[in-house]
Amino acid sequence: MTKKYTSFTEFYPFYLSQHQNLTCRRLHFIGSSLILLVIGYVVYSQQFTLLFSLPVIGYGFAWVGHFMFEHNRPATFTYPVWSLMGDWKMFWQMLTRQL
C-alpha cells in the first residue's frame, strides 16, 4: 500500500528517493530549463500557442528519465501537485548545487 503523505515537507524525501539516478535527475533539469526558456520566449514573442508545448516538454523529459533510467513510476500519477512542486524544488537545489 502506498503511504499517504499529508504535507509537502513529508512528501519531498520520498520524491527525492524516486530520483536517485543521475540521468533521471538531469533529464528533469533539462526539461525544467526548457520550460523556462519557452516561457521567456512566449513573453518576448507573444506566441501564446507555444504554451501548449509545456506539458510535453516537462513530462517528456521526466518520463523518459523515469521509465528508461530510474525504472519507476513517476510520482506525478499519485501526487500531481506535490510532484510539480518537487520538480521545481529539485531544479532549484540542482541549480544552486545543494543536490
PDB file of N, CA and C in Angstrom:
ATOM      1  N   MET A   1       0.837  -1.188   0.000  1.00  0.00           N
ATOM      2  CA  MET A   1       0.000   0.000   0.000  1.00  0.00           C
ATOM      3  C   MET A   1       0.884   1.255   0.000  1.00  0.00           C
ATOM      4  N   THR A   2       0.498   2.241  -0.757  1.00  0.00           N
ATOM      5  CA  THR A   2       1.246   3.485  -0.851  1.00  0.00           C
ATOM      6  C   THR A   2       0.983   4.352   0.367  1.00  0.00           C
ATOM      7  N   LYS A   3       2.040   4.919   0.923  1.00  0.00           N
ATOM      8  CA  LYS A   3       1.909   5.813   2.072  1.00  0.00           C
ATOM      9  C   LYS A   3       1.160   7.065   1.646  1.00  0.00           C
ATOM     10  N   LYS A   4       0.294   7.550   2.505  1.00  0.00           N
ATOM     11  CA  LYS A   4      -0.434   8.791   2.244  1.00  0.00           C
ATOM     12  C   LYS A   4       0.313   9.944   2.904  1.00  0.00           C
ATOM     13  N   TYR A   5       0.822  10.840   2.097  1.00  0.00           N
ATOM     14  CA  TYR A   5       1.556  11.998   2.617  1.00  0.00           C
ATOM     15  C   TYR A   5       0.570  13.115   2.920  1.00  0.00           C
ATOM     16  N   THR A   6       0.815  13.810   4.009  1.00  0.00           N
ATOM     17  CA  THR A   6      -0.109  14.867   4.430  1.00  0.00           C
ATOM     18  C   THR A   6       0.485  16.263   4.283  1.00  0.00           C
ATOM     19  N   SER A   7       1.752  16.345   3.883  1.00  0.00           N
ATOM     20  CA  SER A   7       2.376  17.653   3.672  1.00  0.00           C
ATOM     21  C   SER A   7       3.485  17.511   2.639  1.00  0.00           C
ATOM     22  N   PHE A   8       3.823  18.618   2.016  1.00  0.00           N
ATOM     23  CA  PHE A   8       4.915  18.593   1.042  1.00  0.00           C
ATOM     24  C   PHE A   8       6.240  18.291   1.738  1.00  0.00           C
ATOM     25  N   THR A   9       6.422  18.815   2.946  1.00  0.00           N
ATOM     26  CA  THR A   9       7.652  18.552   3.703  1.00  0.00           C
ATOM     27  C   THR A   9       7.838  17.059   3.936  1.00  0.00           C
ATOM     28  N   GLU A  10       6.780  16.371   4.204  1.00  0.00           N
ATOM     29  CA  GLU A  10       6.819  14.925   4.406  1.00  0.00           C
ATOM     30  C   GLU A  10       7.017  14.191   3.068  1.00  0.00           C
ATOM     31  N   PHE A  11       6.441  14.723   2.015  1.00  0.00           N
ATOM     32  CA  PHE A  11       6.497  14.092   0.693  1.00  0.00           C
ATOM     33  C   PHE A  11       7.865  14.221   0.026  1.00  0.00           C
ATOM     34  N   TYR A  12       8.554  15.347   0.208  1.00  0.00           N
ATOM     35  CA  TYR A  12       9.758  15.638  -0.573  1.00  0.00           C
ATOM     36  C   TYR A  12      10.872  14.597  -0.415  1.00  0.00           C
ATOM     37  N   PRO A  13      11.148  14.072   0.776  1.00  0.00           N
ATOM     38  CA  PRO A  13      12.161  12.994   0.845  1.00  0.00           C
ATOM     39  C   PRO A  13      11.774  11.776   0.000  1.00  0.00           C
ATOM     40  N   PHE A  14      10.483  11.438  -0.026  1.00  0.00           N
ATOM     41  CA  PHE A  14      10.029  10.358  -0.897  1.00  0.00           C
ATOM     42  C   PHE A  14      10.276  10.730  -2.356  1.00  0.00           C
ATOM     43  N   TYR A  15       9.955  11.963  -2.714  1.00  0.00           N
ATOM     44  CA  TYR A  15      10.163  12.436  -4.085  1.00  0.00           C
ATOM     45  C   TYR A  15      11.626  12.257  -4.486  1.00  0.00           C
ATOM     46  N   LEU A  16      12.542  12.684  -3.619  1.00  0.00           N
ATOM     47  CA  LEU A  16      13.966  12.532  -3.925  1.00  0.00           C
ATOM     48  C   LEU A  16      14.367  11.065  -4.042  1.00  0.00           C
ATOM     49  N   SER A  17      13.747  10.202  -3.252  1.00  0.00           N
ATOM     50  CA  SER A  17      14.073   8.777  -3.331  1.00  0.00           C
ATOM     51  C   SER A  17      13.670   8.183  -4.673  1.00  0.00           C
ATOM     52  N   GLN A  18      12.747   8.823  -5.355  1.00  0.00           N
ATOM     53  CA  GLN A  18      12.309   8.377  -6.672  1.00  0.00           C
ATOM     54  C   GLN A  18      13.156   8.972  -7.792  1.00  0.00           C
ATOM     55  N   HIS A  19      14.175   9.744  -7.421  1.00  0.00           N
ATOM     56  CA  HIS A  19      15.054  10.418  -8.383  1.00  0.00           C
ATOM     57  C   HIS A  19      16.515  10.211  -8.002  1.00  0.00           C
ATOM     58  N   GLN A  20      16.899   8.989  -7.718  1.00  0.00           N
ATOM     59  CA  GLN A  20      18.274   8.698  -7.317  1.00  0.00           C
ATOM     60  C   GLN A  20      19.213   8.582  -8.509  1.00  0.00           C
ATOM     61  N   ASN A  21      18.686   8.218  -9.665  1.00  0.00           N
ATOM     62  CA  ASN A  21      19.500   8.050 -10.854  1.00  0.00           C
ATOM     63  C   ASN A  21      19.906   9.419 -11.400  1.00  0.00           C
ATOM     64  N   LEU A  22      21.202   9.624 -11.591  1.00  0.00           N
ATOM     65  CA  LEU A  22      21.711  10.922 -12.040  1.00  0.00           C
ATOM     66  C   LEU A  22      21.156  11.324 -13.403  1.00  0.00           C
ATOM     67  N   THR A  23      21.036  10.384 -14.316  1.00  0.00           N
ATOM     68  CA  THR A  23      20.499  10.709 -15.641  1.00  0.00           C
ATOM     69  C   THR A  23      19.044  11.147 -15.541  1.00  0.00           C
ATOM     70  N   CYS A  24      18.273  10.487 -14.705  1.00  0.00           N
ATOM     71  CA  CYS A  24      16.876  10.875 -14.500  1.00  0.00           C
ATOM     72  C   CYS A  24      16.796  12.308 -13.974  1.00  0.00           C
ATOM     73  N   ARG A  25      17.601  12.608 -12.964  1.00  0.00           N
ATOM     74  CA  ARG A  25      17.594  13.974 -12.408  1.00  0.00           C
ATOM     75  C   ARG A  25      18.021  14.995 -13.460  1.00  0.00           C
ATOM     76  N   ARG A  26      19.014  14.650 -14.255  1.00  0.00           N
ATOM     77  CA  ARG A  26      19.477  15.579 -15.298  1.00  0.00           C
ATOM     78  C   ARG A  26      18.407  15.805 -16.357  1.00  0.00           C
ATOM     79  N   LEU A  27      17.675  14.761 -16.710  1.00  0.00           N
ATOM     80  CA  LEU A  27      16.586  14.927 -17.680  1.00  0.00           C
ATOM     81  C   LEU A  27      15.495  15.828 -17.110  1.00  0.00           C
ATOM     82  N   HIS A  28      15.189  15.695 -15.829  1.00  0.00           N
ATOM     83  CA  HIS A  28      14.242  16.606 -15.188  1.00  0.00           C
ATOM     84  C   HIS A  28      14.756  18.045 -15.279  1.00  0.00           C
ATOM     85  N   PHE A  29      16.050  18.226 -15.007  1.00  0.00           N
ATOM     86  CA  PHE A  29      16.646  19.557 -15.040  1.00  0.00           C
ATOM     87  C   PHE A  29      16.573  20.155 -16.438  1.00  0.00           C
ATOM     88  N   ILE A  30      16.874  19.357 -17.449  1.00  0.00           N
ATOM     89  CA  ILE A  30      16.808  19.838 -18.837  1.00  0.00           C
ATOM     90  C   ILE A  30      15.374  20.228 -19.189  1.00  0.00           C
ATOM     91  N   GLY A  31      14.422  19.378 -18.851  1.00  0.00           N
ATOM     92  CA  GLY A  31      13.020  19.688 -19.135  1.00  0.00           C
ATOM     93  C   GLY A  31      12.570  20.971 -18.463  1.00  0.00           C
ATOM     94  N   SER A  32      12.922  21.136 -17.190  1.00  0.00           N
ATOM     95  CA  SER A  32      12.535  22.356 -16.463  1.00  0.00           C
ATOM     96  C   SER A  32      13.209  23.585 -17.060  1.00  0.00           C
ATOM     97  N   SER A  33      14.469  23.454 -17.438  1.00  0.00           N
ATOM     98  CA  SER A  33      15.179  24.579 -18.074  1.00  0.00           C
ATOM     99  C   SER A  33      14.513  24.977 -19.381  1.00  0.00           C
ATOM    100  N   LEU A  34      14.144  23.984 -20.190  1.00  0.00           N
ATOM    101  CA  LEU A  34      13.473  24.276 -21.463  1.00  0.00           C
ATOM    102  C   LEU A  34      12.116  24.933 -21.236  1.00  0.00           C
ATOM    103  N   ILE A  35      11.412  24.526 -20.191  1.00  0.00           N
ATOM    104  CA  ILE A  35      10.139  25.171 -19.858  1.00  0.00           C
ATOM    105  C   ILE A  35      10.357  26.653 -19.592  1.00  0.00           C
ATOM    106  N   LEU A  36      11.370  26.978 -18.799  1.00  0.00           N
ATOM    107  CA  LEU A  36      11.643  28.390 -18.503  1.00  0.00           C
ATOM    108  C   LEU A  36      12.029  29.156 -19.770  1.00  0.00           C
ATOM    109  N   LEU A  37      12.802  28.525 -20.638  1.00  0.00           N
ATOM    110  CA  LEU A  37      13.184  29.182 -21.896  1.00  0.00           C
ATOM    111  C   LEU A  37      11.963  29.423 -22.789  1.00  0.00           C
ATOM    112  N   VAL A  38      11.082  28.448 -22.880  1.00  0.00           N
ATOM    113  CA  VAL A  38       9.871  28.612 -23.703  1.00  0.00           C
ATOM    114  C   VAL A  38       8.995  29.717 -23.128  1.00  0.00           C
ATOM    115  N   ILE A  39       8.830  29.749 -21.815  1.00  0.00           N
ATOM    116  CA  ILE A  39       8.024  30.808 -21.197  1.00  0.00           C
ATOM    117  C   ILE A  39       8.640  32.171 -21.494  1.00  0.00           C
ATOM    118  N   GLY A  40       9.952  32.271 -21.373  1.00  0.00           N
ATOM    119  CA  GLY A  40      10.629  33.529 -21.700  1.00  0.00           C
ATOM    120  C   GLY A  40      10.414  33.925 -23.147  1.00  0.00           C
ATOM    121  N   TYR A  41      10.495  32.958 -24.053  1.00  0.00           N
ATOM    122  CA  TYR A  41      10.282  33.239 -25.465  1.00  0.00           C
ATOM    123  C   TYR A  41       8.838  33.655 -25.731  1.00  0.00           C
ATOM    124  N   VAL A  42       7.898  33.012 -25.063  1.00  0.00           N
ATOM    125  CA  VAL A  42       6.483  33.361 -25.233  1.00  0.00           C
ATOM    126  C   VAL A  42       6.241  34.802 -24.777  1.00  0.00           C
ATOM    127  N   VAL A  43       6.821  35.181 -23.659  1.00  0.00           N
ATOM    128  CA  VAL A  43       6.662  36.560 -23.172  1.00  0.00           C
ATOM    129  C   VAL A  43       7.246  37.537 -24.187  1.00  0.00           C
ATOM    130  N   TYR A  44       8.396  37.191 -24.745  1.00  0.00           N
ATOM    131  CA  TYR A  44       9.060  38.057 -25.719  1.00  0.00           C
ATOM    132  C   TYR A  44       8.296  38.125 -27.041  1.00  0.00           C
ATOM    133  N   SER A  45       7.880  36.961 -27.545  1.00  0.00           N
ATOM    134  CA  SER A  45       7.313  36.893 -28.891  1.00  0.00           C
ATOM    135  C   SER A  45       5.796  37.021 -28.946  1.00  0.00           C
ATOM    136  N   GLN A  46       5.157  36.873 -27.792  1.00  0.00           N
ATOM    137  CA  GLN A  46       3.691  36.891 -27.710  1.00  0.00           C
ATOM    138  C   GLN A  46       3.051  35.730 -28.483  1.00  0.00           C
ATOM    139  N   GLN A  47       3.779  34.654 -28.696  1.00  0.00           N
ATOM    140  CA  GLN A  47       3.255  33.464 -29.381  1.00  0.00           C
ATOM    141  C   GLN A  47       2.712  32.500 -28.323  1.00  0.00           C
ATOM    142  N   PHE A  48       1.534  32.817 -27.828  1.00  0.00           N
ATOM    143  CA  PHE A  48       0.968  32.107 -26.681  1.00  0.00           C
ATOM    144  C   PHE A  48       0.619  30.649 -26.970  1.00  0.00           C
ATOM    145  N   THR A  49       0.461  30.295 -28.219  1.00  0.00           N
ATOM    146  CA  THR A  49       0.151  28.896 -28.521  1.00  0.00           C
ATOM    147  C   THR A  49       1.313  27.965 -28.147  1.00  0.00           C
ATOM    148  N   LEU A  50       2.508  28.507 -28.022  1.00  0.00           N
ATOM    149  CA  LEU A  50       3.652  27.688 -27.607  1.00  0.00           C
ATOM    150  C   LEU A  50       3.495  27.169 -26.179  1.00  0.00           C
ATOM    151  N   LEU A  51       2.629  27.804 -25.406  1.00  0.00           N
ATOM    152  CA  LEU A  51       2.396  27.341 -24.034  1.00  0.00           C
ATOM    153  C   LEU A  51       1.839  25.918 -24.004  1.00  0.00           C
ATOM    154  N   PHE A  52       1.176  25.515 -25.075  1.00  0.00           N
ATOM    155  CA  PHE A  52       0.655  24.149 -25.137  1.00  0.00           C
ATOM    156  C   PHE A  52       1.775  23.104 -25.168  1.00  0.00           C
ATOM    157  N   SER A  53       2.969  23.521 -25.531  1.00  0.00           N
ATOM    158  CA  SER A  53       4.091  22.581 -25.579  1.00  0.00           C
ATOM    159  C   SER A  53       4.690  22.300 -24.199  1.00  0.00           C
ATOM    160  N   LEU A  54       4.359  23.111 -23.207  1.00  0.00           N
ATOM    161  CA  LEU A  54       4.997  22.971 -21.898  1.00  0.00           C
ATOM    162  C   LEU A  54       4.787  21.608 -21.247  1.00  0.00           C
ATOM    163  N   PRO A  55       3.568  21.065 -21.217  1.00  0.00           N
ATOM    164  CA  PRO A  55       3.423  19.728 -20.614  1.00  0.00           C
ATOM    165  C   PRO A  55       4.208  18.649 -21.364  1.00  0.00           C
ATOM    166  N   VAL A  56       4.265  18.759 -22.683  1.00  0.00           N
ATOM    167  CA  VAL A  56       5.006  17.776 -23.471  1.00  0.00           C
ATOM    168  C   VAL A  56       6.494  17.846 -23.133  1.00  0.00           C
ATOM    169  N   ILE A  57       7.013  19.053 -23.034  1.00  0.00           N
ATOM    170  CA  ILE A  57       8.428  19.232 -22.703  1.00  0.00           C
ATOM    171  C   ILE A  57       8.708  18.728 -21.287  1.00  0.00           C
ATOM    172  N   GLY A  58       7.940  19.213 -20.340  1.00  0.00           N
ATOM    173  CA  GLY A  58       8.185  18.856 -18.946  1.00  0.00           C
ATOM    174  C   GLY A  58       8.013  17.376 -18.676  1.00  0.00           C
ATOM    175  N   TYR A  59       6.861  16.838 -19.046  1.00  0.00           N
ATOM    176  CA  TYR A  59       6.610  15.421 -18.797  1.00  0.00           C
ATOM    177  C   TYR A  59       7.453  14.531 -19.699  1.00  0.00           C
ATOM    178  N   GLY A  60       7.718  14.968 -20.907  1.00  0.00           N
ATOM    179  CA  GLY A  60       8.503  14.151 -21.831  1.00  0.00           C
ATOM    180  C   GLY A  60       9.878  13.817 -21.279  1.00  0.00           C
ATOM    181  N   PHE A  61      10.616  14.824 -20.881  1.00  0.00           N
ATOM    182  CA  PHE A  61      11.949  14.580 -20.332  1.00  0.00           C
ATOM    183  C   PHE A  61      11.873  13.793 -19.030  1.00  0.00           C
ATOM    184  N   ALA A  62      10.929  14.151 -18.159  1.00  0.00           N
ATOM    185  CA  ALA A  62      10.808  13.468 -16.871  1.00  0.00           C
ATOM    186  C   ALA A  62      10.456  11.997 -17.047  1.00  0.00           C
ATOM    187  N   TRP A  63       9.498  11.707 -17.900  1.00  0.00           N
ATOM    188  CA  TRP A  63       9.053  10.328 -18.054  1.00  0.00           C
ATOM    189  C   TRP A  63      10.097   9.456 -18.730  1.00  0.00           C
ATOM    190  N   VAL A  64      10.858  10.015 -19.653  1.00  0.00           N
ATOM    191  CA  VAL A  64      11.972   9.254 -20.220  1.00  0.00           C
ATOM    192  C   VAL A  64      12.947   8.895 -19.091  1.00  0.00           C
ATOM    193  N   GLY A  65      13.204   9.848 -18.221  1.00  0.00           N
ATOM    194  CA  GLY A  65      14.097   9.590 -17.092  1.00  0.00           C
ATOM    195  C   GLY A  65      13.587   8.485 -16.194  1.00  0.00           C
ATOM    196  N   HIS A  66      12.295   8.516 -15.900  1.00  0.00           N
ATOM    197  CA  HIS A  66      11.729   7.503 -15.006  1.00  0.00           C
ATOM    198  C   HIS A  66      11.658   6.130 -15.659  1.00  0.00           C
ATOM    199  N   PHE A  67      11.139   6.057 -16.849  1.00  0.00           N
ATOM    200  CA  PHE A  67      10.901   4.755 -17.468  1.00  0.00           C
ATOM    201  C   PHE A  67      12.168   4.112 -18.013  1.00  0.00           C
ATOM    202  N   MET A  68      13.138   4.909 -18.481  1.00  0.00           N
ATOM    203  CA  MET A  68      14.327   4.329 -19.098  1.00  0.00           C
ATOM    204  C   MET A  68      15.530   4.252 -18.156  1.00  0.00           C
ATOM    205  N   PHE A  69      15.590   5.113 -17.157  1.00  0.00           N
ATOM    206  CA  PHE A  69      16.779   5.159 -16.312  1.00  0.00           C
ATOM    207  C   PHE A  69      16.480   4.846 -14.840  1.00  0.00           C
ATOM    208  N   GLU A  70      15.450   5.422 -14.313  1.00  0.00           N
ATOM    209  CA  GLU A  70      15.107   5.198 -12.897  1.00  0.00           C
ATOM    210  C   GLU A  70      14.317   3.904 -12.718  1.00  0.00           C
ATOM    211  N   HIS A  71      13.587   3.523 -13.755  1.00  0.00           N
ATOM    212  CA  HIS A  71      12.776   2.297 -13.745  1.00  0.00           C
ATOM    213  C   HIS A  71      11.733   2.309 -12.632  1.00  0.00           C
ATOM    214  N   ASN A  72      11.027   3.419 -12.538  1.00  0.00           N
ATOM    215  CA  ASN A  72       9.930   3.502 -11.576  1.00  0.00           C
ATOM    216  C   ASN A  72       8.785   4.310 -12.172  1.00  0.00           C
ATOM    217  N   ARG A  73       7.714   4.371 -11.436  1.00  0.00           N
ATOM    218  CA  ARG A  73       6.509   5.091 -11.869  1.00  0.00           C
ATOM    219  C   ARG A  73       6.596   6.524 -11.351  1.00  0.00           C
ATOM    220  N   PRO A  74       6.451   7.528 -12.222  1.00  0.00           N
ATOM    221  CA  PRO A  74       6.546   8.918 -11.761  1.00  0.00           C
ATOM    222  C   PRO A  74       5.544   9.222 -10.645  1.00  0.00           C
ATOM    223  N   ALA A  75       5.997   9.960  -9.662  1.00  0.00           N
ATOM    224  CA  ALA A  75       5.155  10.330  -8.518  1.00  0.00           C
ATOM    225  C   ALA A  75       3.981  11.205  -8.939  1.00  0.00           C
ATOM    226  N   THR A  76       4.073  11.821 -10.104  1.00  0.00           N
ATOM    227  CA  THR A  76       3.010  12.715 -10.562  1.00  0.00           C
ATOM    228  C   THR A  76       1.687  11.980 -10.758  1.00  0.00           C
ATOM    229  N   PHE A  77       1.726  10.668 -10.956  1.00  0.00           N
ATOM    230  CA  PHE A  77       0.489   9.913 -11.125  1.00  0.00           C
ATOM    231  C   PHE A  77      -0.306   9.828  -9.823  1.00  0.00           C
ATOM    232  N   THR A  78       0.382   9.864  -8.699  1.00  0.00           N
ATOM    233  CA  THR A  78      -0.275   9.752  -7.396  1.00  0.00           C
ATOM    234  C   THR A  78      -0.397  11.101  -6.699  1.00  0.00           C
ATOM    235  N   TYR A  79       0.626  11.923  -6.824  1.00  0.00           N
ATOM    236  CA  TYR A  79       0.672  13.229  -6.153  1.00  0.00           C
ATOM    237  C   TYR A  79       1.004  14.319  -7.171  1.00  0.00           C
ATOM    238  N   PRO A  80       0.068  14.694  -8.031  1.00  0.00           N
ATOM    239  CA  PRO A  80       0.413  15.621  -9.122  1.00  0.00           C
ATOM    240  C   PRO A  80       0.892  16.996  -8.663  1.00  0.00           C
ATOM    241  N   VAL A  81       0.248  17.594  -7.678  1.00  0.00           N
ATOM    242  CA  VAL A  81       0.635  18.947  -7.255  1.00  0.00           C
ATOM    243  C   VAL A  81       1.971  18.910  -6.518  1.00  0.00           C
ATOM    244  N   TRP A  82       2.093  17.999  -5.559  1.00  0.00           N
ATOM    245  CA  TRP A  82       3.352  17.915  -4.808  1.00  0.00           C
ATOM    246  C   TRP A  82       4.506  17.472  -5.692  1.00  0.00           C
ATOM    247  N   SER A  83       4.224  16.670  -6.683  1.00  0.00           N
ATOM    248  CA  SER A  83       5.262  16.261  -7.613  1.00  0.00           C
ATOM    249  C   SER A  83       5.761  17.461  -8.424  1.00  0.00           C
ATOM    250  N   LEU A  84       4.841  18.297  -8.875  1.00  0.00           N
ATOM    251  CA  LEU A  84       5.227  19.514  -9.601  1.00  0.00           C
ATOM    252  C   LEU A  84       6.057  20.426  -8.699  1.00  0.00           C
ATOM    253  N   MET A  85       5.629  20.570  -7.458  1.00  0.00           N
ATOM    254  CA  MET A  85       6.403  21.373  -6.502  1.00  0.00           C
ATOM    255  C   MET A  85       7.783  20.753  -6.282  1.00  0.00           C
ATOM    256  N   GLY A  86       7.818  19.417  -6.199  1.00  0.00           N
ATOM    257  CA  GLY A  86       9.089  18.722  -6.030  1.00  0.00           C
ATOM    258  C   GLY A  86      10.019  18.910  -7.210  1.00  0.00           C
ATOM    259  N   ASP A  87       9.449  18.920  -8.416  1.00  0.00           N
ATOM    260  CA  ASP A  87      10.256  19.167  -9.618  1.00  0.00           C
ATOM    261  C   ASP A  87      11.001  20.490  -9.505  1.00  0.00           C
ATOM    262  N   TRP A  88      10.263  21.519  -9.111  1.00  0.00           N
ATOM    263  CA  TRP A  88      10.877  22.848  -9.063  1.00  0.00           C
ATOM    264  C   TRP A  88      11.814  23.012  -7.883  1.00  0.00           C
ATOM    265  N   LYS A  89      11.508  22.367  -6.765  1.00  0.00           N
ATOM    266  CA  LYS A  89      12.446  22.407  -5.630  1.00  0.00           C
ATOM    267  C   LYS A  89      13.726  21.669  -5.997  1.00  0.00           C
ATOM    268  N   MET A  90      13.600  20.491  -6.615  1.00  0.00           N
ATOM    269  CA  MET A  90      14.777  19.737  -7.021  1.00  0.00           C
ATOM    270  C   MET A  90      15.575  20.531  -8.068  1.00  0.00           C
ATOM    271  N   PHE A  91      14.880  21.182  -9.003  1.00  0.00           N
ATOM    272  CA  PHE A  91      15.546  22.014 -10.014  1.00  0.00           C
ATOM    273  C   PHE A  91      16.373  23.101  -9.324  1.00  0.00           C
ATOM    274  N   TRP A  92      15.769  23.790  -8.359  1.00  0.00           N
ATOM    275  CA  TRP A  92      16.461  24.872  -7.653  1.00  0.00           C
ATOM    276  C   TRP A  92      17.670  24.327  -6.889  1.00  0.00           C
ATOM    277  N   GLN A  93      17.494  23.180  -6.225  1.00  0.00           N
ATOM    278  CA  GLN A  93      18.594  22.601  -5.465  1.00  0.00           C
ATOM    279  C   GLN A  93      19.719  22.143  -6.392  1.00  0.00           C
ATOM    280  N   MET A  94      19.393  21.665  -7.569  1.00  0.00           N
ATOM    281  CA  MET A  94      20.427  21.291  -8.529  1.00  0.00           C
ATOM    282  C   MET A  94      21.131  22.541  -9.065  1.00  0.00           C
ATOM    283  N   LEU A  95      20.349  23.557  -9.365  1.00  0.00           N
ATOM    284  CA  LEU A  95      20.893  24.810  -9.899  1.00  0.00           C
ATOM    285  C   LEU A  95      21.853  25.455  -8.899  1.00  0.00           C
ATOM    286  N   THR A  96      21.516  25.402  -7.623  1.00  0.00           N
ATOM    287  CA  THR A  96      22.333  26.022  -6.573  1.00  0.00           C
ATOM    288  C   THR A  96      23.317  25.038  -5.943  1.00  0.00           C
ATOM    289  N   ARG A  97      23.445  23.869  -6.549  1.00  0.00           N
ATOM    290  CA  ARG A  97      24.384  22.827  -6.123  1.00  0.00           C
ATOM    291  C   ARG A  97      24.162  22.368  -4.681  1.00  0.00           C
ATOM    292  N   GLN A  98      22.908  22.387  -4.258  1.00  0.00           N
ATOM    293  CA  GLN A  98      22.551  21.831  -2.953  1.00  0.00           C
ATOM    294  C   GLN A  98      22.229  20.349  -3.081  1.00  0.00           C
ATOM    295  N   LEU A  99      22.074  19.888  -4.311  1.00  0.00           N
ATOM    296  CA  LEU A  99      21.739  18.485  -4.565  1.00  0.00           C
ATOM    297  C   LEU A  99      22.652  17.949  -5.649  1.00  0.00           C
TER     298      LEU A  99
END
